[in-house]
Amino acid sequence: MRALKQVSQMLSVVMNDSMRKPFHIMVAEIIQLWSRDRALSVHYYRNLLYRRDSGDNIFAYVGWRNIWSVYARIEDPLWQYALTNKLLFDLFFSQTDIRLPRLVGFSTRNRFVIGDEVIWVSDREQLLFVFELLARSSPTASIFAKPTGGSCGAGCFVFDLSDSSGICADKGLEVLNNDYVYQEVIVQHPKMAELHRCSVNTLRIDTYRTDRGDL
């Protein structure tokens, strides 16, 4: 059901874009990409290849299926786990010069760790106390909560003292059945906020180091 909704949204965006290519050209290009990749060409939409100003070489993008096949060959399972587990990520990279949001606390089901304090939560009143304690412990007086092993923003939420009670009622059961990390909320530079003020905007650069140590 979710996949169908995403496809519907994608088609709506494409068909309402005044810069899209003629329909018959889009169909022809999607067929060409299918012939090359033998997979649904999601990147045709995500990389805006359906637009007239996208350039002439649609084959310059390798597609998601090919990307994941490359990842499967070069990823180290041990490092992959450290990078995808947000608690391990913080424990490792906080020892380096890389700037990170401050980790205020973390939880494993109903066990919460805030600083040196361990709190076991058994009811809603205790959970509300923990949420308020987390907010007070944050340098920005607000908390960004993330599933420890999540990705793409799924399950994340923000709260402060003013809405702790509502978040507790809305997200409490989800939190107590999963593992979370709790970080200070980042206030980004105004210039970055101009791109999209409702999110923390980032730029990611993928690099690969060969067996000889070359980048």
N, C-alpha and C. Protein backbone atom coordinates (compact mmCIF):
# COMPACT_ATOMS: atom_id res chain seq x y z
N MET A 1 0.83 -1.20 0.00
CA MET A 1 0.00 0.00 0.00
C MET A 1 0.87 1.26 0.00
N ARG A 2 1.94 1.24 0.81
CA ARG A 2 2.83 2.37 0.87
C ARG A 2 3.53 2.59 -0.46
N ALA A 3 3.93 1.48 -1.11
CA ALA A 3 4.61 1.59 -2.40
C ALA A 3 3.70 2.20 -3.45
N LEU A 4 2.43 1.80 -3.45
CA LEU A 4 1.47 2.35 -4.41
C LEU A 4 1.27 3.85 -4.18
N LYS A 5 1.25 4.27 -2.91
CA LYS A 5 1.09 5.68 -2.59
C LYS A 5 2.29 6.47 -3.09
N GLN A 6 3.50 5.92 -2.92
CA GLN A 6 4.71 6.59 -3.37
C GLN A 6 4.73 6.73 -4.88
N VAL A 7 4.31 5.66 -5.59
CA VAL A 7 4.26 5.71 -7.05
C VAL A 7 3.26 6.76 -7.50
N SER A 8 2.10 6.81 -6.83
CA SER A 8 1.08 7.80 -7.18
C SER A 8 1.59 9.22 -6.98
N GLN A 9 2.30 9.45 -5.88
CA GLN A 9 2.87 10.77 -5.62
C GLN A 9 3.92 11.13 -6.65
N MET A 10 4.74 10.16 -7.01
CA MET A 10 5.78 10.38 -8.01
C MET A 10 5.18 10.76 -9.35
N LEU A 11 4.17 10.03 -9.79
CA LEU A 11 3.53 10.32 -11.07
C LEU A 11 2.87 11.70 -11.06
N SER A 12 2.28 12.07 -9.92
CA SER A 12 1.64 13.37 -9.81
C SER A 12 2.67 14.49 -9.97
N VAL A 13 3.82 14.34 -9.32
CA VAL A 13 4.88 15.35 -9.43
C VAL A 13 5.38 15.47 -10.86
N VAL A 14 5.63 14.32 -11.49
CA VAL A 14 6.17 14.31 -12.85
C VAL A 14 5.19 14.93 -13.83
N MET A 15 3.95 14.49 -13.79
CA MET A 15 2.97 14.94 -14.77
C MET A 15 2.60 16.41 -14.60
N ASN A 16 2.80 16.96 -13.41
CA ASN A 16 2.48 18.37 -13.17
C ASN A 16 3.68 19.29 -13.31
N ASP A 17 4.82 18.72 -13.67
CA ASP A 17 6.04 19.52 -13.85
C ASP A 17 6.03 20.12 -15.26
N SER A 18 6.03 21.43 -15.35
CA SER A 18 5.98 22.10 -16.66
C SER A 18 7.24 21.86 -17.48
N MET A 19 8.31 21.42 -16.82
CA MET A 19 9.57 21.17 -17.52
C MET A 19 9.76 19.71 -17.92
N ARG A 20 8.75 18.88 -17.73
CA ARG A 20 8.93 17.46 -18.07
C ARG A 20 9.01 17.28 -19.57
N LYS A 21 9.67 16.20 -19.96
CA LYS A 21 9.78 15.85 -21.37
C LYS A 21 8.43 15.36 -21.88
N PRO A 22 8.24 15.33 -23.20
CA PRO A 22 7.00 14.75 -23.74
C PRO A 22 6.82 13.31 -23.25
N PHE A 23 5.60 12.92 -23.05
CA PHE A 23 5.30 11.62 -22.46
C PHE A 23 5.95 10.47 -23.23
N HIS A 24 5.90 10.51 -24.57
CA HIS A 24 6.43 9.39 -25.35
C HIS A 24 7.96 9.28 -25.20
N ILE A 25 8.64 10.42 -24.99
CA ILE A 25 10.08 10.37 -24.78
C ILE A 25 10.40 9.76 -23.41
N MET A 26 9.62 10.12 -22.39
CA MET A 26 9.85 9.55 -21.06
C MET A 26 9.66 8.05 -21.08
N VAL A 27 8.61 7.58 -21.74
CA VAL A 27 8.36 6.14 -21.82
C VAL A 27 9.51 5.44 -22.53
N ALA A 28 9.99 6.03 -23.64
CA ALA A 28 11.08 5.43 -24.40
C ALA A 28 12.35 5.36 -23.54
N GLU A 29 12.63 6.40 -22.77
CA GLU A 29 13.85 6.42 -21.95
C GLU A 29 13.75 5.43 -20.79
N ILE A 30 12.58 5.31 -20.22
CA ILE A 30 12.40 4.34 -19.13
C ILE A 30 12.59 2.92 -19.64
N ILE A 31 12.09 2.66 -20.85
CA ILE A 31 12.28 1.33 -21.45
C ILE A 31 13.76 1.06 -21.70
N GLN A 32 14.49 2.08 -22.17
CA GLN A 32 15.92 1.92 -22.40
C GLN A 32 16.67 1.61 -21.10
N LEU A 33 16.30 2.31 -20.05
CA LEU A 33 16.95 2.07 -18.76
C LEU A 33 16.59 0.69 -18.21
N TRP A 34 15.35 0.28 -18.44
CA TRP A 34 14.95 -1.07 -18.02
C TRP A 34 15.77 -2.13 -18.77
N SER A 35 15.99 -1.90 -20.04
CA SER A 35 16.77 -2.85 -20.85
C SER A 35 18.20 -2.96 -20.33
N ARG A 36 18.74 -1.85 -19.86
CA ARG A 36 20.10 -1.87 -19.33
C ARG A 36 20.18 -2.49 -17.94
N ASP A 37 19.27 -2.07 -17.03
CA ASP A 37 19.38 -2.45 -15.63
C ASP A 37 18.54 -3.65 -15.23
N ARG A 38 17.51 -3.97 -16.04
CA ARG A 38 16.55 -5.02 -15.68
C ARG A 38 15.95 -4.75 -14.30
N ALA A 39 15.62 -3.48 -14.06
CA ALA A 39 15.04 -3.07 -12.78
C ALA A 39 14.25 -1.78 -12.99
N LEU A 40 13.31 -1.53 -12.09
CA LEU A 40 12.53 -0.30 -12.15
C LEU A 40 13.47 0.89 -11.95
N SER A 41 13.43 1.84 -12.87
CA SER A 41 14.38 2.96 -12.87
C SER A 41 13.88 4.09 -11.97
N VAL A 42 13.94 3.85 -10.66
CA VAL A 42 13.49 4.85 -9.70
C VAL A 42 14.33 6.12 -9.83
N HIS A 43 15.60 5.96 -10.17
CA HIS A 43 16.48 7.12 -10.26
C HIS A 43 16.08 8.06 -11.40
N TYR A 44 15.29 7.58 -12.35
CA TYR A 44 14.81 8.44 -13.44
C TYR A 44 13.97 9.58 -12.87
N TYR A 45 13.25 9.28 -11.80
CA TYR A 45 12.46 10.30 -11.10
C TYR A 45 13.31 11.05 -10.09
N ARG A 46 14.05 10.33 -9.26
CA ARG A 46 14.77 10.96 -8.17
C ARG A 46 15.87 11.90 -8.66
N ASN A 47 16.48 11.57 -9.78
CA ASN A 47 17.53 12.42 -10.34
C ASN A 47 17.02 13.39 -11.40
N LEU A 48 15.70 13.53 -11.47
CA LEU A 48 15.05 14.50 -12.36
C LEU A 48 15.41 14.29 -13.83
N LEU A 49 15.64 13.04 -14.24
CA LEU A 49 15.99 12.77 -15.63
C LEU A 49 14.79 12.95 -16.56
N TYR A 50 13.61 13.06 -15.98
CA TYR A 50 12.41 13.24 -16.79
C TYR A 50 12.25 14.69 -17.26
N ARG A 51 13.09 15.60 -16.76
CA ARG A 51 12.99 17.01 -17.12
C ARG A 51 13.81 17.33 -18.38
N ARG A 52 13.37 18.34 -19.11
CA ARG A 52 14.03 18.73 -20.35
C ARG A 52 15.42 19.32 -20.11
N ASP A 53 15.65 19.84 -18.89
CA ASP A 53 16.95 20.44 -18.58
C ASP A 53 17.90 19.47 -17.87
N SER A 54 17.62 18.18 -17.93
CA SER A 54 18.43 17.19 -17.22
C SER A 54 19.68 16.77 -17.99
N GLY A 55 19.81 17.18 -19.25
CA GLY A 55 20.95 16.74 -20.05
C GLY A 55 20.55 15.60 -20.97
N ASP A 56 21.45 15.25 -21.86
CA ASP A 56 21.11 14.27 -22.89
C ASP A 56 21.47 12.83 -22.51
N ASN A 57 22.40 12.64 -21.58
CA ASN A 57 22.89 11.30 -21.30
C ASN A 57 22.20 10.69 -20.09
N ILE A 58 21.10 10.02 -20.32
CA ILE A 58 20.38 9.39 -19.20
C ILE A 58 21.16 8.20 -18.64
N PHE A 59 22.13 7.69 -19.40
CA PHE A 59 22.90 6.53 -18.95
C PHE A 59 24.07 6.92 -18.04
N ALA A 60 24.22 8.24 -17.77
CA ALA A 60 25.29 8.68 -16.88
C ALA A 60 25.01 8.28 -15.43
N TYR A 61 23.76 7.92 -15.14
CA TYR A 61 23.37 7.48 -13.80
C TYR A 61 23.25 5.97 -13.78
N VAL A 62 23.91 5.34 -12.79
CA VAL A 62 23.99 3.88 -12.82
C VAL A 62 22.72 3.20 -12.33
N GLY A 63 21.88 3.89 -11.58
CA GLY A 63 20.65 3.25 -11.08
C GLY A 63 20.87 2.56 -9.76
N TRP A 64 19.78 2.42 -8.99
CA TRP A 64 19.88 1.90 -7.62
C TRP A 64 20.31 0.44 -7.56
N ARG A 65 19.84 -0.35 -8.50
CA ARG A 65 20.21 -1.77 -8.45
C ARG A 65 21.71 -1.95 -8.62
N ASN A 66 22.29 -1.19 -9.54
CA ASN A 66 23.74 -1.29 -9.76
C ASN A 66 24.52 -0.70 -8.59
N ILE A 67 23.99 0.37 -8.00
CA ILE A 67 24.67 0.96 -6.84
C ILE A 67 24.75 -0.05 -5.70
N TRP A 68 23.63 -0.72 -5.40
CA TRP A 68 23.63 -1.66 -4.29
C TRP A 68 24.50 -2.88 -4.57
N SER A 69 24.64 -3.26 -5.83
CA SER A 69 25.53 -4.38 -6.16
C SER A 69 26.98 -3.99 -5.90
N VAL A 70 27.32 -2.71 -6.15
CA VAL A 70 28.67 -2.23 -5.85
C VAL A 70 28.88 -2.17 -4.35
N TYR A 71 27.90 -1.64 -3.63
CA TYR A 71 28.01 -1.59 -2.17
C TYR A 71 28.25 -2.98 -1.58
N ALA A 72 27.55 -3.97 -2.10
CA ALA A 72 27.66 -5.33 -1.56
C ALA A 72 29.08 -5.88 -1.72
N ARG A 73 29.80 -5.41 -2.76
CA ARG A 73 31.15 -5.92 -3.01
C ARG A 73 32.21 -5.21 -2.18
N ILE A 74 31.98 -3.94 -1.84
CA ILE A 74 33.05 -3.16 -1.19
C ILE A 74 32.82 -2.89 0.29
N GLU A 75 31.61 -3.10 0.78
CA GLU A 75 31.34 -2.77 2.18
C GLU A 75 31.94 -3.80 3.13
N ASP A 76 32.54 -3.31 4.18
CA ASP A 76 33.05 -4.15 5.26
C ASP A 76 31.91 -4.31 6.28
N PRO A 77 31.43 -5.53 6.53
CA PRO A 77 30.28 -5.72 7.44
C PRO A 77 30.49 -5.10 8.82
N LEU A 78 31.72 -5.16 9.33
CA LEU A 78 31.99 -4.62 10.66
C LEU A 78 31.83 -3.10 10.66
N TRP A 79 32.42 -2.43 9.66
CA TRP A 79 32.30 -0.98 9.58
C TRP A 79 30.88 -0.57 9.23
N GLN A 80 30.22 -1.36 8.44
CA GLN A 80 28.84 -1.05 8.08
C GLN A 80 27.97 -1.02 9.33
N TYR A 81 28.19 -1.94 10.23
CA TYR A 81 27.40 -1.98 11.46
C TYR A 81 27.68 -0.75 12.32
N ALA A 82 28.96 -0.35 12.39
CA ALA A 82 29.32 0.82 13.18
C ALA A 82 28.73 2.10 12.59
N LEU A 83 28.58 2.14 11.29
CA LEU A 83 28.04 3.33 10.63
C LEU A 83 26.53 3.40 10.69
N THR A 84 25.87 2.26 10.74
CA THR A 84 24.40 2.26 10.73
C THR A 84 23.80 2.24 12.13
N ASN A 85 24.57 1.81 13.12
CA ASN A 85 24.10 1.84 14.50
C ASN A 85 24.47 3.19 15.10
N LYS A 86 23.49 4.03 15.38
CA LYS A 86 23.76 5.41 15.76
C LYS A 86 24.46 5.54 17.11
N LEU A 87 24.27 4.59 17.99
CA LEU A 87 24.95 4.64 19.27
C LEU A 87 26.43 4.31 19.10
N LEU A 88 26.74 3.26 18.34
CA LEU A 88 28.13 2.92 18.06
C LEU A 88 28.81 4.03 17.26
N PHE A 89 28.07 4.63 16.34
CA PHE A 89 28.61 5.73 15.54
C PHE A 89 29.09 6.85 16.46
N ASP A 90 28.26 7.22 17.42
CA ASP A 90 28.63 8.30 18.33
C ASP A 90 29.81 7.90 19.21
N LEU A 91 29.80 6.68 19.73
CA LEU A 91 30.89 6.23 20.60
C LEU A 91 32.23 6.25 19.88
N PHE A 92 32.23 5.89 18.59
CA PHE A 92 33.47 5.84 17.83
C PHE A 92 33.91 7.22 17.38
N PHE A 93 33.03 7.95 16.71
CA PHE A 93 33.44 9.20 16.07
C PHE A 93 33.54 10.36 17.06
N SER A 94 32.99 10.23 18.26
CA SER A 94 33.16 11.27 19.27
C SER A 94 34.61 11.32 19.75
N GLN A 95 35.39 10.29 19.47
CA GLN A 95 36.80 10.26 19.83
C GLN A 95 37.68 10.89 18.77
N THR A 96 37.08 11.37 17.70
CA THR A 96 37.83 11.98 16.59
C THR A 96 37.56 13.49 16.57
N ASP A 97 38.07 14.14 15.55
CA ASP A 97 37.86 15.58 15.40
C ASP A 97 36.56 15.91 14.66
N ILE A 98 35.77 14.88 14.34
CA ILE A 98 34.52 15.11 13.63
C ILE A 98 33.48 15.68 14.60
N ARG A 99 32.87 16.79 14.22
CA ARG A 99 31.86 17.42 15.08
C ARG A 99 30.54 16.67 14.96
N LEU A 100 29.97 16.35 16.10
CA LEU A 100 28.72 15.60 16.14
C LEU A 100 27.72 16.32 17.04
N PRO A 101 26.42 16.10 16.82
CA PRO A 101 25.44 16.59 17.79
C PRO A 101 25.68 15.90 19.13
N ARG A 102 25.50 16.62 20.20
CA ARG A 102 25.73 16.02 21.51
C ARG A 102 24.72 14.92 21.78
N LEU A 103 25.23 13.75 22.20
CA LEU A 103 24.36 12.64 22.59
C LEU A 103 23.92 12.87 24.04
N VAL A 104 22.63 13.13 24.24
CA VAL A 104 22.11 13.40 25.58
C VAL A 104 21.81 12.11 26.32
N GLY A 105 21.35 11.09 25.58
CA GLY A 105 21.03 9.81 26.20
C GLY A 105 20.64 8.79 25.16
N PHE A 106 20.34 7.59 25.61
CA PHE A 106 19.88 6.53 24.71
C PHE A 106 19.00 5.57 25.50
N SER A 107 18.26 4.76 24.78
CA SER A 107 17.37 3.80 25.46
C SER A 107 17.35 2.49 24.69
N THR A 108 17.19 1.41 25.44
CA THR A 108 16.95 0.09 24.87
C THR A 108 15.65 -0.41 25.50
N ARG A 109 14.60 -0.36 24.70
CA ARG A 109 13.26 -0.65 25.20
C ARG A 109 12.93 0.29 26.37
N ASN A 110 12.70 -0.25 27.57
CA ASN A 110 12.30 0.60 28.70
C ASN A 110 13.46 0.97 29.62
N ARG A 111 14.68 0.75 29.14
CA ARG A 111 15.87 1.12 29.92
C ARG A 111 16.49 2.37 29.29
N PHE A 112 16.54 3.46 30.06
CA PHE A 112 17.05 4.75 29.58
C PHE A 112 18.35 5.09 30.30
N VAL A 113 19.32 5.55 29.51
CA VAL A 113 20.59 5.99 30.07
C VAL A 113 20.77 7.46 29.74
N ILE A 114 20.85 8.31 30.77
CA ILE A 114 21.04 9.74 30.60
C ILE A 114 22.24 10.14 31.46
N GLY A 115 23.35 10.42 30.82
CA GLY A 115 24.58 10.68 31.57
C GLY A 115 25.00 9.42 32.30
N ASP A 116 25.18 9.52 33.60
CA ASP A 116 25.55 8.35 34.41
C ASP A 116 24.34 7.68 35.05
N GLU A 117 23.17 8.17 34.74
CA GLU A 117 21.95 7.67 35.39
C GLU A 117 21.24 6.66 34.50
N VAL A 118 20.83 5.55 35.08
CA VAL A 118 20.05 4.52 34.39
C VAL A 118 18.65 4.49 35.00
N ILE A 119 17.65 4.62 34.14
CA ILE A 119 16.26 4.69 34.60
C ILE A 119 15.44 3.62 33.89
N TRP A 120 14.75 2.81 34.66
CA TRP A 120 13.84 1.81 34.10
C TRP A 120 12.43 2.36 34.12
N VAL A 121 11.79 2.37 32.98
CA VAL A 121 10.46 2.97 32.86
C VAL A 121 9.40 1.88 32.83
N SER A 122 8.39 2.02 33.68
CA SER A 122 7.33 1.01 33.73
C SER A 122 5.94 1.59 33.49
N ASP A 123 5.83 2.92 33.43
CA ASP A 123 4.52 3.52 33.17
C ASP A 123 4.68 4.87 32.48
N ARG A 124 3.56 5.44 32.09
CA ARG A 124 3.58 6.69 31.34
C ARG A 124 4.14 7.85 32.16
N GLU A 125 3.86 7.87 33.44
CA GLU A 125 4.35 8.95 34.29
C GLU A 125 5.87 8.97 34.34
N GLN A 126 6.47 7.77 34.44
CA GLN A 126 7.93 7.68 34.44
C GLN A 126 8.51 8.06 33.08
N LEU A 127 7.82 7.69 32.01
CA LEU A 127 8.29 8.04 30.68
C LEU A 127 8.28 9.55 30.48
N LEU A 128 7.23 10.21 30.97
CA LEU A 128 7.15 11.66 30.87
C LEU A 128 8.29 12.30 31.65
N PHE A 129 8.60 11.76 32.82
CA PHE A 129 9.72 12.27 33.61
C PHE A 129 11.02 12.16 32.84
N VAL A 130 11.22 11.03 32.16
CA VAL A 130 12.45 10.82 31.38
C VAL A 130 12.53 11.79 30.21
N PHE A 131 11.42 11.98 29.51
CA PHE A 131 11.41 12.91 28.39
C PHE A 131 11.75 14.33 28.85
N GLU A 132 11.19 14.74 29.98
CA GLU A 132 11.47 16.08 30.50
C GLU A 132 12.93 16.19 30.95
N LEU A 133 13.47 15.12 31.52
CA LEU A 133 14.87 15.11 31.94
C LEU A 133 15.79 15.21 30.73
N LEU A 134 15.46 14.50 29.66
CA LEU A 134 16.24 14.60 28.44
C LEU A 134 16.25 16.02 27.89
N ALA A 135 15.07 16.64 27.84
CA ALA A 135 14.97 18.01 27.32
C ALA A 135 15.79 18.98 28.16
N ARG A 136 15.73 18.83 29.49
CA ARG A 136 16.50 19.73 30.37
C ARG A 136 18.00 19.50 30.24
N SER A 137 18.39 18.30 29.84
CA SER A 137 19.82 17.97 29.73
C SER A 137 20.42 18.40 28.40
N SER A 138 19.58 18.82 27.47
CA SER A 138 20.07 19.22 26.15
C SER A 138 20.52 20.67 26.15
N PRO A 139 21.65 20.99 25.53
CA PRO A 139 22.12 22.38 25.47
C PRO A 139 21.12 23.30 24.77
N THR A 140 20.31 22.74 23.86
CA THR A 140 19.32 23.55 23.14
C THR A 140 17.93 23.42 23.73
N ALA A 141 17.81 22.72 24.87
CA ALA A 141 16.53 22.52 25.57
C ALA A 141 15.51 21.78 24.72
N SER A 142 15.98 21.08 23.70
CA SER A 142 15.09 20.26 22.87
C SER A 142 15.86 19.04 22.40
N ILE A 143 15.11 18.01 22.05
CA ILE A 143 15.70 16.70 21.75
C ILE A 143 15.28 16.22 20.37
N PHE A 144 16.26 15.66 19.66
CA PHE A 144 15.98 14.96 18.40
C PHE A 144 16.16 13.47 18.67
N ALA A 145 15.06 12.72 18.59
CA ALA A 145 15.08 11.29 18.89
C ALA A 145 15.14 10.49 17.60
N LYS A 146 16.04 9.50 17.57
CA LYS A 146 16.22 8.66 16.38
C LYS A 146 16.23 7.19 16.78
N PRO A 147 15.59 6.32 16.00
CA PRO A 147 15.77 4.88 16.23
C PRO A 147 17.25 4.53 16.05
N THR A 148 17.80 3.75 16.94
CA THR A 148 19.23 3.45 16.93
C THR A 148 19.68 2.84 15.60
N GLY A 149 18.86 2.00 15.03
CA GLY A 149 19.24 1.36 13.77
C GLY A 149 18.42 1.82 12.59
N GLY A 150 17.77 2.96 12.70
CA GLY A 150 16.89 3.44 11.63
C GLY A 150 17.64 4.12 10.50
N SER A 151 16.89 4.50 9.47
CA SER A 151 17.47 5.21 8.33
C SER A 151 16.39 6.04 7.65
N CYS A 152 16.84 7.00 6.85
CA CYS A 152 15.95 7.83 6.03
C CYS A 152 14.92 8.62 6.85
N GLY A 153 15.23 8.86 8.12
CA GLY A 153 14.33 9.66 8.95
C GLY A 153 13.14 8.93 9.52
N ALA A 154 12.99 7.64 9.22
CA ALA A 154 11.84 6.88 9.72
C ALA A 154 11.89 6.77 11.24
N GLY A 155 10.76 7.11 11.88
CA GLY A 155 10.66 6.98 13.32
C GLY A 155 11.24 8.12 14.12
N CYS A 156 11.84 9.13 13.47
CA CYS A 156 12.44 10.25 14.19
C CYS A 156 11.38 11.25 14.65
N PHE A 157 11.66 11.94 15.74
CA PHE A 157 10.76 13.00 16.19
C PHE A 157 11.53 13.98 17.06
N VAL A 158 10.98 15.18 17.20
CA VAL A 158 11.59 16.25 17.98
C VAL A 158 10.64 16.65 19.10
N PHE A 159 11.19 16.97 20.27
CA PHE A 159 10.34 17.46 21.35
C PHE A 159 11.14 18.35 22.30
N ASP A 160 10.43 19.16 23.06
CA ASP A 160 11.02 19.96 24.13
C ASP A 160 10.09 19.90 25.33
N LEU A 161 10.36 20.72 26.34
CA LEU A 161 9.55 20.66 27.56
C LEU A 161 8.08 20.99 27.31
N SER A 162 7.83 21.87 26.35
CA SER A 162 6.46 22.32 26.13
C SER A 162 5.55 21.24 25.54
N ASP A 163 6.14 20.27 24.82
CA ASP A 163 5.29 19.24 24.21
C ASP A 163 5.68 17.82 24.64
N SER A 164 6.40 17.70 25.75
CA SER A 164 6.81 16.39 26.24
C SER A 164 5.62 15.47 26.51
N SER A 165 4.55 16.05 27.08
CA SER A 165 3.38 15.25 27.42
C SER A 165 2.71 14.70 26.16
N GLY A 166 2.56 15.54 25.14
CA GLY A 166 1.94 15.09 23.90
C GLY A 166 2.77 14.04 23.19
N ILE A 167 4.09 14.23 23.18
CA ILE A 167 4.99 13.25 22.56
C ILE A 167 4.95 11.94 23.32
N CYS A 168 4.88 12.04 24.62
CA CYS A 168 4.80 10.83 25.46
C CYS A 168 3.57 10.01 25.10
N ALA A 169 2.44 10.68 24.91
CA ALA A 169 1.19 9.99 24.57
C ALA A 169 1.24 9.45 23.15
N ASP A 170 1.85 10.20 22.25
CA ASP A 170 1.85 9.83 20.83
C ASP A 170 2.92 8.80 20.48
N LYS A 171 4.11 8.94 21.09
CA LYS A 171 5.25 8.11 20.71
C LYS A 171 5.69 7.14 21.80
N GLY A 172 5.05 7.20 22.96
CA GLY A 172 5.51 6.41 24.10
C GLY A 172 5.62 4.93 23.83
N LEU A 173 4.57 4.33 23.28
CA LEU A 173 4.58 2.89 23.02
C LEU A 173 5.66 2.52 22.02
N GLU A 174 5.82 3.33 20.99
CA GLU A 174 6.85 3.08 19.98
C GLU A 174 8.24 3.12 20.60
N VAL A 175 8.48 4.11 21.46
CA VAL A 175 9.79 4.23 22.11
C VAL A 175 10.08 3.04 23.00
N LEU A 176 9.09 2.61 23.78
CA LEU A 176 9.30 1.52 24.73
C LEU A 176 9.44 0.15 24.06
N ASN A 177 9.14 0.09 22.79
CA ASN A 177 9.27 -1.18 22.06
C ASN A 177 10.45 -1.18 21.10
N ASN A 178 11.27 -0.13 21.15
CA ASN A 178 12.40 -0.03 20.24
C ASN A 178 13.60 0.59 20.95
N ASP A 179 14.70 0.71 20.24
CA ASP A 179 15.91 1.34 20.78
C ASP A 179 16.07 2.72 20.14
N TYR A 180 16.41 3.71 20.96
CA TYR A 180 16.53 5.09 20.48
C TYR A 180 17.80 5.76 21.01
N VAL A 181 18.27 6.75 20.25
CA VAL A 181 19.28 7.68 20.76
C VAL A 181 18.64 9.06 20.80
N TYR A 182 19.10 9.89 21.75
CA TYR A 182 18.53 11.22 21.94
C TYR A 182 19.64 12.26 21.86
N GLN A 183 19.55 13.13 20.87
CA GLN A 183 20.58 14.13 20.62
C GLN A 183 20.02 15.54 20.78
N GLU A 184 20.94 16.49 21.03
CA GLU A 184 20.53 17.88 21.02
C GLU A 184 20.04 18.26 19.62
N VAL A 185 19.12 19.18 19.53
CA VAL A 185 18.63 19.65 18.25
C VAL A 185 19.63 20.65 17.67
N ILE A 186 20.02 20.43 16.43
CA ILE A 186 20.98 21.31 15.77
C ILE A 186 20.28 22.55 15.23
N VAL A 187 20.90 23.70 15.46
CA VAL A 187 20.44 24.95 14.85
C VAL A 187 21.40 25.26 13.72
N GLN A 188 20.95 25.08 12.48
CA GLN A 188 21.86 25.21 11.35
C GLN A 188 22.09 26.67 10.97
N HIS A 189 23.11 26.89 10.17
CA HIS A 189 23.45 28.23 9.70
C HIS A 189 22.30 28.78 8.86
N PRO A 190 22.00 30.08 8.98
CA PRO A 190 20.90 30.68 8.21
C PRO A 190 21.00 30.44 6.71
N LYS A 191 22.21 30.42 6.18
CA LYS A 191 22.36 30.20 4.74
C LYS A 191 21.94 28.79 4.35
N MET A 192 22.24 27.81 5.20
CA MET A 192 21.80 26.44 4.94
C MET A 192 20.29 26.34 5.11
N ALA A 193 19.74 27.08 6.05
CA ALA A 193 18.29 27.05 6.29
C ALA A 193 17.52 27.60 5.09
N GLU A 194 18.17 28.45 4.30
CA GLU A 194 17.50 29.00 3.12
C GLU A 194 17.14 27.91 2.11
N LEU A 195 17.89 26.81 2.12
CA LEU A 195 17.60 25.70 1.20
C LEU A 195 16.28 25.03 1.58
N HIS A 196 16.11 24.79 2.87
CA HIS A 196 14.86 24.19 3.38
C HIS A 196 14.87 24.36 4.88
N ARG A 197 14.04 25.25 5.40
CA ARG A 197 14.11 25.63 6.81
C ARG A 197 13.56 24.57 7.75
N CYS A 198 12.81 23.58 7.23
CA CYS A 198 12.18 22.58 8.10
C CYS A 198 13.03 21.33 8.27
N SER A 199 14.26 21.35 7.79
CA SER A 199 15.14 20.19 7.97
C SER A 199 16.57 20.68 8.16
N VAL A 200 17.42 19.80 8.68
CA VAL A 200 18.85 20.10 8.75
C VAL A 200 19.46 19.62 7.44
N ASN A 201 19.92 20.55 6.63
CA ASN A 201 20.38 20.23 5.29
C ASN A 201 21.84 19.81 5.31
N THR A 202 22.15 18.73 4.62
CA THR A 202 23.49 18.18 4.64
C THR A 202 23.97 17.88 3.23
N LEU A 203 25.27 17.75 3.09
CA LEU A 203 25.90 17.34 1.83
C LEU A 203 26.75 16.12 2.13
N ARG A 204 26.50 15.04 1.41
CA ARG A 204 27.25 13.81 1.63
C ARG A 204 28.15 13.52 0.43
N ILE A 205 29.39 13.17 0.72
CA ILE A 205 30.34 12.82 -0.33
C ILE A 205 30.82 11.40 -0.06
N ASP A 206 30.55 10.48 -0.98
CA ASP A 206 31.01 9.10 -0.84
C ASP A 206 32.43 8.97 -1.37
N THR A 207 33.27 8.31 -0.61
CA THR A 207 34.64 8.05 -1.05
C THR A 207 34.94 6.56 -0.93
N TYR A 208 35.94 6.11 -1.69
CA TYR A 208 36.33 4.71 -1.65
C TYR A 208 37.85 4.62 -1.57
N ARG A 209 38.37 3.85 -0.64
CA ARG A 209 39.81 3.67 -0.49
C ARG A 209 40.20 2.28 -0.98
N THR A 210 41.13 2.21 -1.92
CA THR A 210 41.55 0.94 -2.48
C THR A 210 42.44 0.18 -1.48
N ASP A 211 42.79 -1.06 -1.82
CA ASP A 211 43.65 -1.86 -0.96
C ASP A 211 45.03 -1.23 -0.82
N ARG A 212 45.43 -0.40 -1.80
CA ARG A 212 46.74 0.27 -1.74
C ARG A 212 46.68 1.56 -0.93
N GLY A 213 45.49 1.93 -0.47
CA GLY A 213 45.35 3.13 0.33
C GLY A 213 44.99 4.37 -0.45
N ASP A 214 44.77 4.21 -1.76
CA ASP A 214 44.42 5.36 -2.59
C ASP A 214 42.95 5.68 -2.45
N LEU A 215 42.62 6.99 -2.50
CA LEU A 215 41.22 7.41 -2.48
C LEU A 215 40.69 7.54 -3.89
